Structures are given as structure tokens and as C-alpha cells.
Amino acid sequence: MLLRVMLRMYIGLAVCYAPWSPAFWDQNPLFLQYPTLSNIAANGAVRGIVSGLGLLNLWIALQDILGRRGIKHER
């Protein structure tokens, strides 16, 4: 469970930060190779959607932490 929460938090933070990082988002080789994709990715709404997915991952990690704290597993 700890690994799952840490992985979700790491992915969530990375996905939230990536669209607003010029070194990653604007200089991305995939976007530089396909100009049409670069134009779409430069749109603020697309950056917001990607950041929203990162926030969703953080929310799920938080729910895992809070939801599992009081539950005892029966075997």
C-alpha cells in the first residue's frame, strides 16, 4: 500500500509540474518533431487538463492514505 501511495504521489506531482515546465513541455522532442501536436500542446486548456490528471492522482493517493488508516484487514 505504501508503494502504491508513493507511486501515485510521484506521478501526480510529475504530471502536475510537466506542462508548466518549459524545459520539458516546450523543448519536448516529440512536440518538436510534430508541429501540429506542438500547437495543440501549447494550448492552455490542454496544459490544464494534464495538470488536472496529476491532481486526480494526488487525490487518489490522499484517499488511499485516509481511507486505509482505520481499516483492519481480516484474513
N, C-alpha and C. Protein backbone atom coordinates (compact mmCIF):
# COMPACT_ATOMS: atom_id res chain seq x y z
N MET A 1 0.83 -1.18 0.00
CA MET A 1 0.00 0.00 0.00
C MET A 1 0.88 1.26 0.00
N LEU A 2 1.95 1.22 0.78
CA LEU A 2 2.84 2.37 0.83
C LEU A 2 3.45 2.65 -0.54
N LEU A 3 3.85 1.60 -1.23
CA LEU A 3 4.43 1.76 -2.56
C LEU A 3 3.41 2.36 -3.52
N ARG A 4 2.17 1.89 -3.44
CA ARG A 4 1.10 2.41 -4.31
C ARG A 4 0.87 3.90 -4.07
N VAL A 5 0.81 4.29 -2.80
CA VAL A 5 0.57 5.70 -2.46
C VAL A 5 1.75 6.55 -2.92
N MET A 6 2.97 6.09 -2.66
CA MET A 6 4.14 6.87 -3.07
C MET A 6 4.24 7.00 -4.58
N LEU A 7 3.93 5.93 -5.29
CA LEU A 7 3.96 5.97 -6.75
C LEU A 7 2.93 6.95 -7.29
N ARG A 8 1.71 6.90 -6.74
CA ARG A 8 0.66 7.82 -7.18
C ARG A 8 1.04 9.27 -6.89
N MET A 9 1.65 9.51 -5.73
CA MET A 9 2.05 10.87 -5.39
C MET A 9 3.15 11.37 -6.32
N TYR A 10 4.12 10.51 -6.61
CA TYR A 10 5.21 10.89 -7.50
C TYR A 10 4.69 11.18 -8.92
N ILE A 11 3.85 10.30 -9.43
CA ILE A 11 3.29 10.51 -10.76
C ILE A 11 2.42 11.75 -10.78
N GLY A 12 1.61 11.94 -9.74
CA GLY A 12 0.75 13.11 -9.66
C GLY A 12 1.54 14.41 -9.67
N LEU A 13 2.59 14.47 -8.87
CA LEU A 13 3.41 15.68 -8.84
C LEU A 13 4.12 15.92 -10.18
N ALA A 14 4.62 14.86 -10.77
CA ALA A 14 5.32 14.99 -12.06
C ALA A 14 4.36 15.46 -13.16
N VAL A 15 3.16 14.90 -13.18
CA VAL A 15 2.20 15.26 -14.23
C VAL A 15 1.65 16.67 -14.00
N CYS A 16 1.55 17.09 -12.73
CA CYS A 16 1.12 18.47 -12.46
C CYS A 16 2.17 19.48 -12.90
N TYR A 17 3.43 19.13 -12.70
CA TYR A 17 4.53 20.06 -12.98
C TYR A 17 4.92 20.09 -14.47
N ALA A 18 4.85 18.98 -15.14
CA ALA A 18 5.36 18.85 -16.51
C ALA A 18 4.81 19.87 -17.50
N PRO A 19 3.51 20.12 -17.55
CA PRO A 19 3.00 21.06 -18.57
C PRO A 19 3.48 22.50 -18.37
N TRP A 20 3.89 22.85 -17.18
CA TRP A 20 4.29 24.22 -16.90
C TRP A 20 5.80 24.37 -16.87
N SER A 21 6.52 23.31 -17.15
CA SER A 21 7.98 23.34 -17.21
C SER A 21 8.43 23.56 -18.65
N PRO A 22 9.03 24.72 -18.94
CA PRO A 22 9.47 24.97 -20.32
C PRO A 22 10.50 23.95 -20.80
N ALA A 23 11.36 23.49 -19.91
CA ALA A 23 12.39 22.53 -20.31
C ALA A 23 11.78 21.20 -20.74
N PHE A 24 10.69 20.81 -20.14
CA PHE A 24 10.08 19.53 -20.50
C PHE A 24 9.01 19.69 -21.57
N TRP A 25 8.13 20.63 -21.42
CA TRP A 25 6.96 20.73 -22.29
C TRP A 25 7.29 21.42 -23.61
N ASP A 26 7.98 22.54 -23.56
CA ASP A 26 8.25 23.31 -24.78
C ASP A 26 9.40 22.74 -25.60
N GLN A 27 10.34 22.06 -24.95
CA GLN A 27 11.51 21.50 -25.64
C GLN A 27 11.39 19.99 -25.85
N ASN A 28 10.21 19.46 -25.72
CA ASN A 28 9.97 18.02 -25.85
C ASN A 28 10.25 17.57 -27.29
N PRO A 29 11.10 16.56 -27.48
CA PRO A 29 11.42 16.10 -28.84
C PRO A 29 10.21 15.62 -29.63
N LEU A 30 9.23 15.04 -28.95
CA LEU A 30 8.02 14.59 -29.63
C LEU A 30 7.25 15.78 -30.19
N PHE A 31 7.14 16.84 -29.40
CA PHE A 31 6.44 18.04 -29.86
C PHE A 31 7.22 18.77 -30.94
N LEU A 32 8.54 18.73 -30.86
CA LEU A 32 9.36 19.39 -31.88
C LEU A 32 9.30 18.64 -33.21
N GLN A 33 9.11 17.32 -33.16
CA GLN A 33 9.05 16.53 -34.38
C GLN A 33 7.70 16.71 -35.09
N TYR A 34 6.63 16.91 -34.34
CA TYR A 34 5.29 17.07 -34.91
C TYR A 34 4.74 18.45 -34.56
N PRO A 35 4.85 19.41 -35.47
CA PRO A 35 4.42 20.77 -35.19
C PRO A 35 2.94 20.90 -34.84
N THR A 36 2.10 20.08 -35.44
CA THR A 36 0.66 20.14 -35.14
C THR A 36 0.42 19.74 -33.68
N LEU A 37 1.09 18.70 -33.24
CA LEU A 37 0.98 18.28 -31.85
C LEU A 37 1.53 19.35 -30.91
N SER A 38 2.56 20.03 -31.35
CA SER A 38 3.14 21.11 -30.55
C SER A 38 2.16 22.26 -30.38
N ASN A 39 1.42 22.58 -31.44
CA ASN A 39 0.42 23.65 -31.34
C ASN A 39 -0.71 23.28 -30.39
N ILE A 40 -1.11 22.03 -30.42
CA ILE A 40 -2.17 21.56 -29.52
C ILE A 40 -1.66 21.58 -28.07
N ALA A 41 -0.44 21.10 -27.87
CA ALA A 41 0.12 21.03 -26.52
C ALA A 41 0.38 22.41 -25.93
N ALA A 42 0.58 23.40 -26.76
CA ALA A 42 0.85 24.76 -26.27
C ALA A 42 -0.42 25.45 -25.76
N ASN A 43 -1.57 24.88 -26.07
CA ASN A 43 -2.84 25.45 -25.62
C ASN A 43 -2.95 25.35 -24.10
N GLY A 44 -3.38 26.42 -23.47
CA GLY A 44 -3.51 26.44 -22.02
C GLY A 44 -4.51 25.44 -21.48
N ALA A 45 -5.56 25.18 -22.25
CA ALA A 45 -6.57 24.21 -21.81
C ALA A 45 -5.99 22.80 -21.75
N VAL A 46 -5.14 22.46 -22.70
CA VAL A 46 -4.52 21.14 -22.71
C VAL A 46 -3.58 21.01 -21.52
N ARG A 47 -2.83 22.07 -21.24
CA ARG A 47 -1.95 22.05 -20.07
C ARG A 47 -2.76 21.90 -18.79
N GLY A 48 -3.89 22.57 -18.72
CA GLY A 48 -4.75 22.47 -17.55
C GLY A 48 -5.34 21.08 -17.37
N ILE A 49 -5.72 20.45 -18.46
CA ILE A 49 -6.27 19.08 -18.39
C ILE A 49 -5.20 18.11 -17.90
N VAL A 50 -3.99 18.24 -18.41
CA VAL A 50 -2.91 17.36 -17.98
C VAL A 50 -2.60 17.59 -16.50
N SER A 51 -2.57 18.84 -16.08
CA SER A 51 -2.36 19.13 -14.66
C SER A 51 -3.50 18.59 -13.81
N GLY A 52 -4.70 18.65 -14.33
CA GLY A 52 -5.85 18.09 -13.62
C GLY A 52 -5.74 16.59 -13.42
N LEU A 53 -5.18 15.89 -14.39
CA LEU A 53 -4.95 14.45 -14.23
C LEU A 53 -3.93 14.19 -13.12
N GLY A 54 -2.93 15.07 -13.02
CA GLY A 54 -1.97 14.94 -11.93
C GLY A 54 -2.62 15.18 -10.58
N LEU A 55 -3.50 16.18 -10.51
CA LEU A 55 -4.22 16.43 -9.26
C LEU A 55 -5.14 15.26 -8.90
N LEU A 56 -5.71 14.64 -9.90
CA LEU A 56 -6.55 13.46 -9.66
C LEU A 56 -5.72 12.33 -9.05
N ASN A 57 -4.51 12.13 -9.53
CA ASN A 57 -3.63 11.12 -8.95
C ASN A 57 -3.30 11.45 -7.51
N LEU A 58 -3.04 12.72 -7.22
CA LEU A 58 -2.76 13.13 -5.84
C LEU A 58 -3.98 12.91 -4.95
N TRP A 59 -5.16 13.20 -5.47
CA TRP A 59 -6.39 12.99 -4.71
C TRP A 59 -6.60 11.50 -4.38
N ILE A 60 -6.35 10.64 -5.36
CA ILE A 60 -6.50 9.21 -5.13
C ILE A 60 -5.50 8.73 -4.07
N ALA A 61 -4.28 9.24 -4.12
CA ALA A 61 -3.28 8.87 -3.11
C ALA A 61 -3.73 9.33 -1.73
N LEU A 62 -4.28 10.52 -1.63
CA LEU A 62 -4.77 11.02 -0.35
C LEU A 62 -5.93 10.18 0.17
N GLN A 63 -6.82 9.79 -0.72
CA GLN A 63 -7.94 8.94 -0.32
C GLN A 63 -7.44 7.57 0.15
N ASP A 64 -6.42 7.05 -0.48
CA ASP A 64 -5.84 5.78 -0.04
C ASP A 64 -5.26 5.91 1.36
N ILE A 65 -4.59 7.02 1.62
CA ILE A 65 -4.00 7.24 2.94
C ILE A 65 -5.09 7.36 4.00
N LEU A 66 -6.08 8.19 3.75
CA LEU A 66 -7.12 8.44 4.74
C LEU A 66 -8.10 7.28 4.86
N GLY A 67 -8.36 6.60 3.77
CA GLY A 67 -9.33 5.51 3.79
C GLY A 67 -8.80 4.24 4.41
N ARG A 68 -7.53 4.00 4.34
CA ARG A 68 -6.94 2.74 4.82
C ARG A 68 -6.45 2.85 6.26
N ARG A 69 -6.42 4.03 6.82
CA ARG A 69 -5.83 4.22 8.13
C ARG A 69 -6.60 3.47 9.21
N GLY A 70 -7.93 3.51 9.17
CA GLY A 70 -8.72 2.90 10.22
C GLY A 70 -9.21 1.50 9.92
N ILE A 71 -8.88 0.95 8.77
CA ILE A 71 -9.40 -0.36 8.36
C ILE A 71 -8.40 -1.44 8.74
N LYS A 72 -8.91 -2.48 9.41
CA LYS A 72 -8.08 -3.64 9.71
C LYS A 72 -8.47 -4.74 8.75
N HIS A 73 -7.50 -5.35 8.12
CA HIS A 73 -7.76 -6.41 7.16
C HIS A 73 -7.95 -7.74 7.89
N GLU A 74 -8.99 -8.46 7.51
CA GLU A 74 -9.23 -9.78 8.08
C GLU A 74 -8.73 -10.84 7.12
N ARG A 75 -8.12 -11.87 7.67
CA ARG A 75 -7.61 -12.95 6.82
C ARG A 75 -8.20 -14.25 7.23
